[in-house]
Each structure stands twice: as C-alpha cells, then as structure tokens.
C-alpha cells in the first residue's frame, strides 16, 4: 500500500463537487486525512468564480498509472472536460502531489502557488523540497498569502468521510 497526497481544487459548485470527489475516491482508496481548504481567486481570470483548494492523504494499492486513471475518471464523472485552456473553470481538479515518498508536484508550482503548497505542507510536513527545505517550513514563505482559510469546510468533509466525529458525539 502506498501513501498518496492529492491536490483538490474546484470553482464550479466547488463544495458539492469536492465532497462528491472525495466520496468517489473513498470507494477506491482509503482516505487518511483532509487538509484545510482555502478560497482564492482564479489565476489570471478575475471573471471566474473563486477556487476552493485543499489536499487529501490516501492509502492505495493502485499503481501510479491506475491512480491517475481513477482521478481522471472521477473528474469526468463530475463534469470536467479537459481543454487546451489550462486556466479554464472546472468542477474539480485532482492532481497527485506525492506518491509514496516521492514528491510529484513540480517545485516551481509549489513555490509559486500557496493554494497547493499550504495544504500539502499540512499533510506531508516531513518531505523535503529541493532547494527550499522541509514542506512543513513552507507556510512561513506565504505569510500574507491573501487566501481565506475554510476550516469549517474541512471539518464537514472529514465528518462526511468518517474521519472526524460530530461535536458532542460519544466514542463507541
């Protein structure tokens, strides 16, 4: 079994699509943890709705190719249509950031995009980003990032997937 971290983003019905995407992932993998989610403006597209971005740690026996196929199938099921426009609005975007002990996300992307780096740093703080240090140290690079933290969304998603109990719930 491999430990994976995927980045999750959406700006078309984002709350519903992120939740459904995680539910579909949970049918094929074991969801271990969900990061805080952040609201941020669409890159270079002020006319688009804001994005919600976060990450999830998973455990799976899928190969990297099969995992990628699963992510694309989930995106397709939720209405994503890939086009040459890399900045197009989307119902969901699922990207492998870490597979096992290997960082898959490009270093430049992590350093330029706090909406990817901060959720990843929360779930894999021990990983080292070449030339930048431990991922757990990245948040200090992004102070004043201008994104809105959405801890309530993360808590709701964790509860929906059985990762967090309702407030006041008794342990069995």
Protein backbone atom coordinates (compact mmCIF):
# COMPACT_ATOMS: atom_id res chain seq x y z
CA UNK A 1 0.00 0.00 0.00
CA UNK A 2 1.30 3.44 -0.92
CA UNK A 3 0.58 6.72 0.82
CA UNK A 4 -0.52 9.39 -1.65
CA UNK A 5 -1.35 13.08 -1.34
CA UNK A 6 -3.59 14.59 -3.96
CA UNK A 7 -4.38 18.23 -4.54
CA UNK A 8 -8.05 19.07 -4.92
CA UNK A 9 -9.43 22.22 -6.49
CA UNK A 10 -12.75 23.42 -7.92
CA UNK A 11 -14.55 26.62 -8.80
CA UNK A 12 -17.82 25.33 -10.30
CA UNK A 13 -20.15 24.20 -7.49
CA UNK A 14 -16.96 23.63 -5.51
CA UNK A 15 -18.32 22.45 -2.16
CA UNK A 16 -20.58 19.81 -3.72
CA UNK A 17 -18.00 18.65 -6.27
CA UNK A 18 -15.17 18.40 -3.74
CA UNK A 19 -17.35 16.39 -1.39
CA UNK A 20 -18.52 14.06 -4.17
CA UNK A 21 -14.98 13.70 -5.48
CA UNK A 22 -13.76 12.63 -2.05
CA UNK A 23 -16.66 10.18 -1.70
CA UNK A 24 -15.75 8.62 -5.05
CA UNK A 25 -12.08 8.44 -4.03
CA UNK A 26 -13.11 6.71 -0.80
CA UNK A 27 -14.78 3.96 -2.86
CA UNK A 28 -11.38 3.01 -4.36
CA UNK A 29 -8.81 4.16 -1.78
CA UNK A 30 -8.59 4.71 1.95
CA UNK A 31 -8.84 8.41 2.79
CA UNK A 32 -6.50 9.07 5.73
CA UNK A 33 -6.66 12.84 6.18
CA UNK A 34 -8.02 16.03 4.66
CA UNK A 35 -6.19 19.36 4.86
CA UNK A 36 -7.65 22.76 5.49
CA UNK A 37 -9.26 24.19 2.36
CA UNK A 38 -8.61 27.70 1.09
CA UNK A 39 -10.59 30.12 -1.06
CA UNK A 40 -8.51 32.04 -3.60
CA UNK A 41 -9.13 33.99 -6.80
CA UNK A 42 -8.77 32.21 -10.12
CA UNK A 43 -5.29 32.69 -11.58
CA UNK A 44 -5.29 35.40 -14.27
CA UNK A 45 -9.07 35.08 -14.63
CA UNK A 46 -10.82 37.72 -12.50
CA UNK A 47 -14.13 36.94 -14.25
CA UNK A 48 -14.17 33.38 -12.88
CA UNK A 49 -15.54 32.32 -9.53
CA UNK A 50 -13.02 31.81 -6.72
CA UNK A 51 -11.41 28.41 -6.32
CA UNK A 52 -11.51 26.20 -3.27
CA UNK A 53 -8.28 24.23 -2.86
CA UNK A 54 -7.05 21.64 -0.41
CA UNK A 55 -5.46 18.20 -0.30
CA UNK A 56 -6.19 14.67 0.85
CA UNK A 57 -3.87 11.93 2.05
CA UNK A 58 -4.82 8.49 0.77
CA UNK A 59 -3.62 4.95 1.02
CA UNK A 60 -3.92 2.74 -2.05
CA UNK A 61 -2.64 -0.36 -3.76
CA UNK A 62 -3.18 1.28 -7.17
CA UNK A 63 -0.18 1.83 -9.41
CA UNK A 64 0.64 5.44 -10.36
CA UNK A 65 -0.94 4.89 -13.80
CA UNK A 66 -4.10 3.33 -12.33
CA UNK A 67 -4.36 6.12 -9.75
CA UNK A 68 -4.11 8.75 -12.47
CA UNK A 69 -6.79 6.94 -14.47
CA UNK A 70 -9.04 6.87 -11.40
CA UNK A 71 -8.56 10.61 -10.81
CA UNK A 72 -9.38 11.38 -14.46
CA UNK A 73 -12.48 9.13 -14.29
CA UNK A 74 -13.70 10.99 -11.18
CA UNK A 75 -13.08 14.35 -12.83
CA UNK A 76 -15.02 13.19 -15.91
CA UNK A 77 -17.89 11.84 -13.76
CA UNK A 78 -18.20 15.27 -12.14
CA UNK A 79 -18.30 17.06 -15.49
CA UNK A 80 -14.71 18.10 -16.06
CA UNK A 81 -13.79 18.48 -19.70
CA UNK A 82 -10.09 18.97 -20.31
CA UNK A 83 -9.31 21.60 -22.93
CA UNK A 84 -6.13 23.32 -24.11
CA UNK A 85 -7.08 26.21 -21.79
CA UNK A 86 -5.14 25.30 -18.62
CA UNK A 87 -6.90 28.09 -16.67
CA UNK A 88 -10.48 27.14 -17.59
CA UNK A 89 -13.07 26.97 -14.83
CA UNK A 90 -13.61 23.42 -13.60
CA UNK A 91 -15.96 21.41 -11.42
CA UNK A 92 -12.98 19.53 -9.96
CA UNK A 93 -9.25 19.12 -10.46
CA UNK A 94 -7.44 16.16 -8.87
CA UNK A 95 -3.64 16.01 -9.07
CA UNK A 96 -1.13 13.65 -7.48
CA UNK A 97 1.29 15.72 -5.38
CA UNK A 98 3.08 12.92 -3.51
CA UNK A 99 3.26 9.22 -4.33
CA UNK A 100 4.89 7.15 -1.60
CA UNK A 101 7.95 9.12 -0.51
CA UNK A 102 8.31 10.92 -3.84
CA UNK A 103 7.21 14.48 -4.39
CA UNK A 104 5.45 14.54 -7.77
CA UNK A 105 4.34 18.19 -7.85
CA UNK A 106 6.82 20.46 -9.62
CA UNK A 107 8.97 22.52 -7.23
CA UNK A 108 8.21 25.74 -9.12
CA UNK A 109 4.47 25.17 -8.79
CA UNK A 110 4.72 24.66 -5.04
CA UNK A 111 6.79 27.80 -4.55
CA UNK A 112 4.50 29.90 -6.74
CA UNK A 113 1.12 28.57 -5.62
CA UNK A 114 0.32 28.74 -1.93
CA UNK A 115 -3.08 27.14 -2.59
CA UNK A 116 -1.15 23.95 -3.48
CA UNK A 117 1.78 24.29 -1.06
CA UNK A 118 -0.08 25.03 2.18
CA UNK A 119 -2.47 22.04 2.08
CA UNK A 120 0.39 19.75 1.05
CA UNK A 121 2.62 21.07 3.84
CA UNK A 122 -0.14 20.29 6.31
CA UNK A 123 -0.35 16.64 5.22
CA UNK A 124 3.33 15.92 4.41
CA UNK A 125 5.41 18.33 6.51
CA UNK A 126 8.41 15.97 6.64
CA UNK A 127 9.01 15.86 2.88
CA UNK A 128 11.89 17.96 1.57
CA UNK A 129 11.51 20.31 -1.37
CA UNK A 130 14.95 20.55 -3.04
CA UNK A 131 16.42 24.00 -2.53
CA UNK A 132 13.59 25.11 -0.24
CA UNK A 133 13.74 22.76 2.76
CA UNK A 134 11.03 20.80 4.53
CA UNK A 135 7.47 21.27 3.31
CA UNK A 136 6.47 21.94 6.92
CA UNK A 137 8.57 25.11 6.77
CA UNK A 138 6.85 26.46 3.64
CA UNK A 139 3.93 28.21 5.34
CA UNK A 140 6.26 30.95 6.61
CA UNK A 141 7.11 31.74 2.96
CA UNK A 142 3.47 32.51 2.28
CA UNK A 143 2.58 34.80 5.18
CA UNK A 144 0.04 37.29 3.95
CA UNK A 145 -0.95 34.95 1.10
CA UNK A 146 -4.37 36.58 0.84
CA UNK A 147 -6.30 33.31 0.79
CA UNK A 148 -9.27 32.67 3.05
CA UNK A 149 -8.98 29.60 5.27
CA UNK A 150 -12.10 27.42 5.31
CA UNK A 151 -11.72 25.21 8.40
CA UNK A 152 -15.48 24.55 8.56
CA UNK A 153 -15.44 23.01 5.07
CA UNK A 154 -12.53 20.76 6.00
CA UNK A 155 -14.33 19.65 9.19
CA UNK A 156 -17.53 18.96 7.26
CA UNK A 157 -15.64 16.85 4.72
CA UNK A 158 -13.81 14.94 7.45
CA UNK A 159 -17.12 14.17 9.19
CA UNK A 160 -18.73 13.10 5.90
CA UNK A 161 -15.93 10.59 5.37
CA UNK A 162 -15.89 9.39 8.97
CA UNK A 163 -12.52 11.00 9.77
CA UNK A 164 -13.93 13.31 12.46
CA UNK A 165 -16.85 12.84 14.81
CA UNK A 166 -19.71 15.28 15.15
CA UNK A 167 -19.14 17.68 18.01
CA UNK A 168 -20.52 16.10 21.18
CA UNK A 169 -20.65 12.59 19.68
CA UNK A 170 -19.65 9.80 22.02
CA UNK A 171 -16.90 7.37 21.11
CA UNK A 172 -18.09 3.73 20.92
